[in-house]
Amino acid sequence: MTAAPGIEALARQIRDARGVGHKRDIDAVVARLGLASRHAGIPVGDDCAAIPDGDGHLLLAIEGFLDSFVADDPYFAGYCGIMVNLSDVAAMGGRPLAVVDALWSRDAGMADPILAGLSDAAALYGVPIVGGHTNTRAAAGNLAVAVLGRAGPRLLTSFDAAPGDDLVAAIDLRGRFREPHPYWDASTGAPGTQLRGDLALLPGLAEDGLARAAKDISMAGTVGTALMLLECSGVGGVIDLDAIPRPADVPLARWLTAFPSFGYLVTVRPDRTPAVIARFAERGIAASRIGRLDASRVARVRDAAAAEAVVWDFAAGPLIGCGRDGAGDAP
């Protein structure tokens, strides 16, 4: 039997994960485009750009997909084009309005499963595809999808977590891995009414003032996503790895780099944590308090034996280049 990795090894695995590496590329792009200044107008570092509009906000986000993913699982790539964008809107406390896509393929036959995935997901989640760009005479297949959403005056952002907040993770465990990839699929095969109702939980938390900040769990994994949230808010904290909701048969080391189809981190005042966890539980979604935030600007992880290891010290250097005086997630 192989021994479970020690806490230092797990911390190193999180830092070295491919998804975290991709997030580290953001810092240079933010600097080159001049997005790191508060004078840029729209803070960058959230799941969506939040644009003030009347008594609320328009939300705009885009996702691009690795060409290897599009080639290996074209239907699910198209499906994810809808799913992950809607997750980004929900993470900001918003609801989607419409989607556009940009698709390149070598021929119409290669495009068909991608388009099928887009179409099926749009129908299940109840969001219209209103246009886009298509090229079926390209040298290779690529996909990008953008979403427009709307939120009220209360946003869930990456910038508003505060020392003393609880960090809550909510993940739908009713799924399976799409082997051999790290994608945990709890969406395909689920009824549309369930999917739409689950996404509505996040804007409900925002509108009822129950949560302070939130972030959609991305390809960086649960802890990697927490790093981005902590950096943007200028805080630190400790994450209890064994408290992260996880399927019983999935090893912790694999789960730490998994991308769940429904997964969120939410920061909550401790007196409101039971109510937030209960809302997720009512819909069959596993949720638990996985840590407490502090003013250290150091992100640590802790194992069942209470051993700790530092994953990132933001005072020593940025991850994605955001913060209270900066910017960050995906431009």
Protein backbone atom coordinates (compact mmCIF):
# COMPACT_ATOMS: atom_id res chain seq x y z
CA MET A 1 0.00 0.00 0.00
CA THR A 2 1.34 3.44 -0.91
CA ALA A 3 1.62 5.85 1.99
CA ALA A 4 -0.41 9.06 1.83
CA PRO A 5 1.70 12.11 0.93
CA GLY A 6 2.92 14.23 3.85
CA ILE A 7 1.75 17.79 4.36
CA GLU A 8 4.86 19.34 2.79
CA ALA A 9 4.48 17.11 -0.26
CA LEU A 10 0.83 18.10 -0.62
CA ALA A 11 1.72 21.80 -0.35
CA ARG A 12 4.35 21.34 -3.06
CA GLN A 13 1.86 19.43 -5.24
CA ILE A 14 -0.58 22.34 -5.02
CA ARG A 15 2.09 24.92 -5.92
CA ASP A 16 3.38 22.82 -8.82
CA ALA A 17 0.00 21.82 -10.25
CA ARG A 18 -0.57 22.53 -13.93
CA GLY A 19 -3.71 24.53 -13.20
CA VAL A 20 -1.87 26.79 -10.75
CA GLY A 21 0.91 27.20 -13.32
CA HIS A 22 -1.59 28.46 -15.86
CA LYS A 23 -2.88 30.99 -13.32
CA ARG A 24 0.66 32.26 -12.75
CA ASP A 25 0.76 33.29 -16.42
CA ILE A 26 -1.89 35.92 -15.65
CA ASP A 27 0.48 38.23 -13.77
CA ALA A 28 2.54 39.12 -16.84
CA VAL A 29 -0.56 39.66 -19.00
CA VAL A 30 -2.12 41.94 -16.39
CA ALA A 31 1.07 44.01 -16.25
CA ARG A 32 1.45 44.20 -20.05
CA LEU A 33 -2.14 45.38 -20.55
CA GLY A 34 -1.92 47.90 -17.73
CA LEU A 35 -4.75 46.33 -15.77
CA ALA A 36 -3.05 46.44 -12.39
CA SER A 37 -4.00 50.01 -11.63
CA ARG A 38 -7.13 50.98 -9.80
CA HIS A 39 -7.38 53.75 -12.39
CA ALA A 40 -8.23 51.05 -14.95
CA GLY A 41 -11.84 51.42 -13.79
CA ILE A 42 -12.94 47.76 -13.51
CA PRO A 43 -10.98 45.73 -10.93
CA VAL A 44 -9.51 42.59 -12.50
CA GLY A 45 -9.23 39.48 -10.37
CA ASP A 46 -12.81 38.25 -10.18
CA ASP A 47 -14.53 35.47 -12.09
CA CYS A 48 -16.24 38.15 -14.21
CA ALA A 49 -15.67 41.80 -15.00
CA ALA A 50 -18.34 43.63 -12.98
CA ILE A 51 -19.49 46.71 -14.86
CA PRO A 52 -21.72 49.16 -12.93
CA ASP A 53 -25.05 49.47 -14.73
CA GLY A 54 -27.99 51.32 -13.22
CA ASP A 55 -28.86 49.85 -9.84
CA GLY A 56 -26.78 46.73 -10.46
CA HIS A 57 -23.94 45.31 -12.51
CA LEU A 58 -23.42 43.72 -15.89
CA LEU A 59 -21.11 40.69 -15.67
CA LEU A 60 -18.83 39.73 -18.55
CA ALA A 61 -16.56 36.69 -18.67
CA ILE A 62 -14.82 34.47 -21.20
CA GLU A 63 -13.30 30.99 -21.09
CA GLY A 64 -10.82 29.50 -23.54
CA PHE A 65 -10.12 25.77 -23.71
CA LEU A 66 -6.92 23.82 -24.19
CA ASP A 67 -6.66 22.40 -27.70
CA SER A 68 -5.83 18.97 -26.24
CA PHE A 69 -9.08 19.00 -24.24
CA VAL A 70 -11.11 20.03 -27.29
CA ALA A 71 -9.52 17.22 -29.32
CA ASP A 72 -9.87 14.52 -26.64
CA ASP A 73 -13.44 15.24 -25.49
CA PRO A 74 -15.10 17.62 -27.97
CA TYR A 75 -18.64 17.15 -26.69
CA PHE A 76 -17.70 17.89 -23.09
CA ALA A 77 -15.52 20.81 -24.20
CA GLY A 78 -18.58 22.37 -25.84
CA TYR A 79 -20.69 21.54 -22.79
CA CYS A 80 -18.10 23.15 -20.50
CA GLY A 81 -18.18 26.26 -22.66
CA ILE A 82 -21.62 26.92 -21.19
CA MET A 83 -21.19 25.33 -17.77
CA VAL A 84 -18.01 27.06 -16.62
CA ASN A 85 -19.10 30.48 -17.82
CA LEU A 86 -22.37 30.20 -15.93
CA SER A 87 -20.41 29.15 -12.85
CA ASP A 88 -18.35 32.33 -13.16
CA VAL A 89 -21.50 34.46 -13.29
CA ALA A 90 -22.97 32.65 -10.28
CA ALA A 91 -19.73 33.09 -8.33
CA MET A 92 -20.22 36.86 -8.62
CA GLY A 93 -23.78 36.60 -7.31
CA GLY A 94 -25.31 36.99 -10.76
CA ARG A 95 -27.57 35.30 -13.27
CA PRO A 96 -26.73 34.69 -16.95
CA LEU A 97 -28.32 36.59 -19.82
CA ALA A 98 -26.71 35.20 -22.98
CA VAL A 99 -23.69 33.40 -24.42
CA VAL A 100 -21.55 33.74 -27.56
CA ASP A 101 -18.93 31.31 -28.82
CA ALA A 102 -15.86 31.33 -31.08
CA LEU A 103 -15.13 27.97 -32.69
CA TRP A 104 -12.34 26.83 -35.01
CA SER A 105 -12.21 23.33 -36.53
CA ARG A 106 -10.72 21.62 -39.56
CA ASP A 107 -14.14 20.74 -40.96
CA ALA A 108 -17.84 20.68 -40.12
CA GLY A 109 -17.66 17.08 -38.91
CA MET A 110 -15.11 17.95 -36.24
CA ALA A 111 -17.22 20.93 -35.17
CA ASP A 112 -20.42 18.93 -34.74
CA PRO A 113 -19.78 17.30 -31.31
CA ILE A 114 -18.57 20.64 -29.92
CA LEU A 115 -21.72 22.33 -31.17
CA ALA A 116 -23.81 19.50 -29.72
CA GLY A 117 -22.26 20.04 -26.30
CA LEU A 118 -22.88 23.78 -26.50
CA SER A 119 -26.47 23.25 -27.57
CA ASP A 120 -27.29 20.62 -24.94
CA ALA A 121 -25.81 22.64 -22.08
CA ALA A 122 -27.55 25.84 -23.20
CA ALA A 123 -30.88 24.02 -23.16
CA LEU A 124 -30.31 22.40 -19.76
CA TYR A 125 -29.13 25.60 -18.09
CA GLY A 126 -31.75 27.74 -19.84
CA VAL A 127 -29.42 30.34 -21.34
CA PRO A 128 -29.54 31.37 -25.02
CA ILE A 129 -26.61 31.27 -27.42
CA VAL A 130 -27.07 34.52 -29.33
CA GLY A 131 -24.19 34.44 -31.82
CA GLY A 132 -20.46 34.09 -32.20
CA HIS A 133 -17.74 33.27 -34.70
CA THR A 134 -17.24 30.01 -36.59
CA ASN A 135 -14.40 28.79 -38.83
CA THR A 136 -14.59 25.18 -40.05
CA ARG A 137 -11.55 25.50 -42.33
CA ALA A 138 -8.90 26.05 -39.64
CA ALA A 139 -5.62 24.19 -39.13
CA ALA A 140 -6.64 23.03 -35.63
CA GLY A 141 -9.60 22.97 -33.29
CA ASN A 142 -10.02 25.67 -30.66
CA LEU A 143 -12.93 26.95 -28.59
CA ALA A 144 -13.68 30.05 -26.56
CA VAL A 145 -17.03 31.01 -25.04
CA ALA A 146 -18.12 34.28 -23.44
CA VAL A 147 -21.11 35.08 -21.22
CA LEU A 148 -23.03 38.19 -20.28
CA GLY A 149 -24.83 38.22 -16.96
CA ARG A 150 -26.41 40.56 -14.49
CA ALA A 151 -26.17 41.01 -10.73
CA GLY A 152 -27.78 43.39 -8.30
CA PRO A 153 -25.99 45.96 -6.15
CA ARG A 154 -24.53 43.24 -3.88
CA LEU A 155 -21.71 41.38 -5.58
CA LEU A 156 -19.74 38.39 -4.38
CA THR A 157 -16.18 39.35 -5.29
CA SER A 158 -12.61 38.15 -4.84
CA PHE A 159 -11.71 41.39 -3.05
CA ASP A 160 -14.00 41.41 -0.01
CA ALA A 161 -12.84 38.48 2.13
CA ALA A 162 -11.77 39.68 5.58
CA PRO A 163 -9.73 38.38 8.52
CA GLY A 164 -11.98 36.36 10.79
CA ASP A 165 -14.16 35.06 7.95
CA ASP A 166 -14.86 31.36 7.65
CA LEU A 167 -13.89 29.77 4.35
CA VAL A 168 -16.65 27.43 3.16
CA ALA A 169 -16.30 24.97 0.28
CA ALA A 170 -19.42 23.71 -1.51
CA ILE A 171 -18.99 20.92 -4.07
CA ASP A 172 -21.49 18.66 -5.82
CA LEU A 173 -20.12 15.16 -5.21
CA ARG A 174 -22.85 13.42 -7.23
CA GLY A 175 -20.61 12.81 -10.21
CA ARG A 176 -17.65 10.98 -11.68
CA PHE A 177 -14.27 11.70 -13.23
CA ARG A 178 -14.14 11.89 -17.01
CA GLU A 179 -11.07 9.67 -17.12
CA PRO A 180 -8.20 10.18 -17.49
CA HIS A 181 -8.76 13.90 -16.99
CA PRO A 182 -9.10 15.74 -13.65
CA TYR A 183 -12.63 16.86 -14.55
CA TRP A 184 -15.29 15.87 -11.99
CA ASP A 185 -18.56 15.82 -13.94
CA ALA A 186 -21.68 16.25 -11.80
CA SER A 187 -23.57 18.06 -14.56
CA THR A 188 -24.10 15.93 -17.66
CA GLY A 189 -27.06 13.65 -17.07
CA ALA A 190 -28.53 15.84 -14.32
CA PRO A 191 -31.96 17.42 -14.94
CA GLY A 192 -31.99 21.04 -16.01
CA THR A 193 -34.24 22.03 -13.12
CA GLN A 194 -31.59 20.76 -10.69
CA LEU A 195 -28.74 22.51 -12.48
CA ARG A 196 -30.57 25.84 -12.65
CA GLY A 197 -31.70 25.64 -9.04
CA ASP A 198 -28.21 24.83 -7.81
CA LEU A 199 -26.68 27.81 -9.63
CA ALA A 200 -29.35 30.08 -8.14
CA LEU A 201 -27.92 29.39 -4.67
CA LEU A 202 -25.05 31.82 -5.20
CA PRO A 203 -27.06 34.92 -6.22
CA GLY A 204 -29.39 34.04 -3.37
CA LEU A 205 -26.51 34.24 -0.90
CA ALA A 206 -25.51 37.62 -2.36
CA GLU A 207 -29.00 39.08 -2.35
CA ASP A 208 -29.65 37.95 1.23
CA GLY A 209 -26.31 39.30 2.45
CA LEU A 210 -25.15 35.94 3.78
CA ALA A 211 -21.75 35.79 2.05
CA ARG A 212 -18.95 38.32 1.73
CA ALA A 213 -16.80 36.92 -1.10
CA ALA A 214 -16.83 33.92 -3.42
CA LYS A 215 -14.91 32.21 -6.20
CA ASP A 216 -15.69 29.38 -8.59
CA ILE A 217 -13.30 26.44 -8.08
CA SER A 218 -11.22 26.40 -11.26
CA MET A 219 -8.59 24.17 -12.85
CA ALA A 220 -6.27 25.34 -10.07
CA GLY A 221 -8.21 23.06 -7.70
CA THR A 222 -9.78 23.88 -4.36
CA VAL A 223 -6.66 25.18 -2.60
CA GLY A 224 -5.26 26.80 -5.75
CA THR A 225 -8.52 28.72 -6.16
CA ALA A 226 -8.36 29.72 -2.51
CA LEU A 227 -4.89 31.17 -3.15
CA MET A 228 -6.31 33.52 -5.78
CA LEU A 229 -9.14 34.59 -3.50
CA LEU A 230 -6.80 35.26 -0.58
CA GLU A 231 -4.35 37.18 -2.76
CA CYS A 232 -7.01 39.49 -4.19
CA SER A 233 -8.40 40.21 -0.72
CA GLY A 234 -4.97 40.74 0.84
CA VAL A 235 -5.50 38.09 3.52
CA GLY A 236 -4.05 34.75 4.61
CA GLY A 237 -5.43 31.73 6.34
CA VAL A 238 -5.19 28.04 7.05
CA ILE A 239 -7.12 25.38 5.12
CA ASP A 240 -7.95 22.04 6.72
CA LEU A 241 -7.42 19.57 3.88
CA ASP A 242 -9.48 16.82 5.49
CA ALA A 243 -12.47 19.17 5.79
CA ILE A 244 -12.71 19.71 2.01
CA PRO A 245 -15.82 17.89 0.72
CA ARG A 246 -14.56 14.84 -1.18
CA PRO A 247 -15.98 11.61 -2.63
CA ALA A 248 -15.19 8.70 -0.33
CA ASP A 249 -13.31 6.72 -2.98
CA VAL A 250 -11.12 9.54 -4.33
CA PRO A 251 -7.63 10.02 -2.82
CA LEU A 252 -6.95 13.46 -1.37
CA ALA A 253 -3.89 14.00 -3.59
CA ARG A 254 -6.01 13.58 -6.73
CA TRP A 255 -8.93 15.61 -5.41
CA LEU A 256 -6.73 18.63 -4.67
CA THR A 257 -6.15 19.15 -8.40
CA ALA A 258 -9.66 18.23 -9.54
CA PHE A 259 -11.95 20.64 -11.38
CA PRO A 260 -15.52 20.12 -10.13
CA SER A 261 -18.42 21.03 -12.40
CA PHE A 262 -20.14 22.63 -9.37
CA GLY A 263 -17.66 23.90 -6.81
CA TYR A 264 -17.40 27.21 -4.94
CA LEU A 265 -15.44 28.82 -2.18
CA VAL A 266 -17.42 31.30 -0.10
CA THR A 267 -16.20 33.51 2.74
CA VAL A 268 -18.73 34.02 5.48
CA ARG A 269 -18.96 35.68 8.86
CA PRO A 270 -18.84 32.83 11.42
CA ASP A 271 -22.33 33.56 12.75
CA ARG A 272 -23.73 33.04 9.24
CA THR A 273 -21.79 29.89 8.37
CA PRO A 274 -24.47 27.40 9.55
CA ALA A 275 -27.13 29.11 7.42
CA VAL A 276 -24.89 29.08 4.32
CA ILE A 277 -23.98 25.40 4.74
CA ALA A 278 -27.65 24.55 5.27
CA ARG A 279 -28.66 26.18 1.99
CA PHE A 280 -26.28 23.98 0.04
CA ALA A 281 -27.23 20.88 2.03
CA GLU A 282 -30.91 21.42 1.24
CA ARG A 283 -30.06 20.86 -2.42
CA GLY A 284 -27.86 17.83 -1.83
CA ILE A 285 -24.57 19.69 -2.22
CA ALA A 286 -21.76 18.89 0.21
CA ALA A 287 -20.57 22.00 2.04
CA SER A 288 -18.30 22.52 5.03
CA ARG A 289 -16.14 25.06 6.77
CA ILE A 290 -12.60 24.32 5.59
CA GLY A 291 -10.68 27.17 7.19
CA ARG A 292 -10.50 30.57 8.83
CA LEU A 293 -8.99 33.69 7.26
CA ASP A 294 -6.48 35.96 9.00
CA ALA A 295 -4.37 39.04 8.29
CA SER A 296 -1.10 37.15 7.72
CA ARG A 297 -1.11 37.15 3.88
CA VAL A 298 0.26 33.62 4.14
CA ALA A 299 -1.77 30.64 2.87
CA ARG A 300 -1.22 27.41 4.81
CA VAL A 301 -2.66 23.92 4.70
CA ARG A 302 -3.22 21.61 7.66
CA ASP A 303 -3.65 17.82 7.81
CA ALA A 304 -5.59 15.59 10.19
CA ALA A 305 -2.63 15.47 12.58
CA ALA A 306 -2.61 19.31 12.77
CA ALA A 307 0.68 19.53 10.87
CA GLU A 308 0.89 22.68 8.73
CA ALA A 309 2.78 23.75 5.64
CA VAL A 310 2.98 27.06 3.78
CA VAL A 311 1.59 26.97 0.25
CA TRP A 312 2.10 30.64 -0.61
CA ASP A 313 3.48 33.74 1.09
CA PHE A 314 1.99 36.68 -0.81
CA ALA A 315 4.38 39.14 0.83
CA ALA A 316 7.23 37.27 -0.88
CA GLY A 317 5.68 37.40 -4.36
CA PRO A 318 2.38 37.36 -6.25
CA LEU A 319 0.53 34.42 -7.72
CA ILE A 320 -1.71 36.17 -10.27
CA GLY A 321 -0.82 39.78 -9.53
CA CYS A 322 -4.06 40.94 -7.94
CA GLY A 323 -4.67 42.54 -4.57
CA ARG A 324 -6.23 45.56 -3.04
CA ASP A 325 -3.91 47.71 -5.13
CA GLY A 326 -3.80 45.38 -8.11
CA ALA A 327 -5.66 43.13 -10.46
CA GLY A 328 -5.74 39.58 -11.50
CA ASP A 329 -7.80 36.60 -12.64
CA ALA A 330 -8.26 36.15 -16.38
CA PRO A 331 -8.28 39.24 -18.60
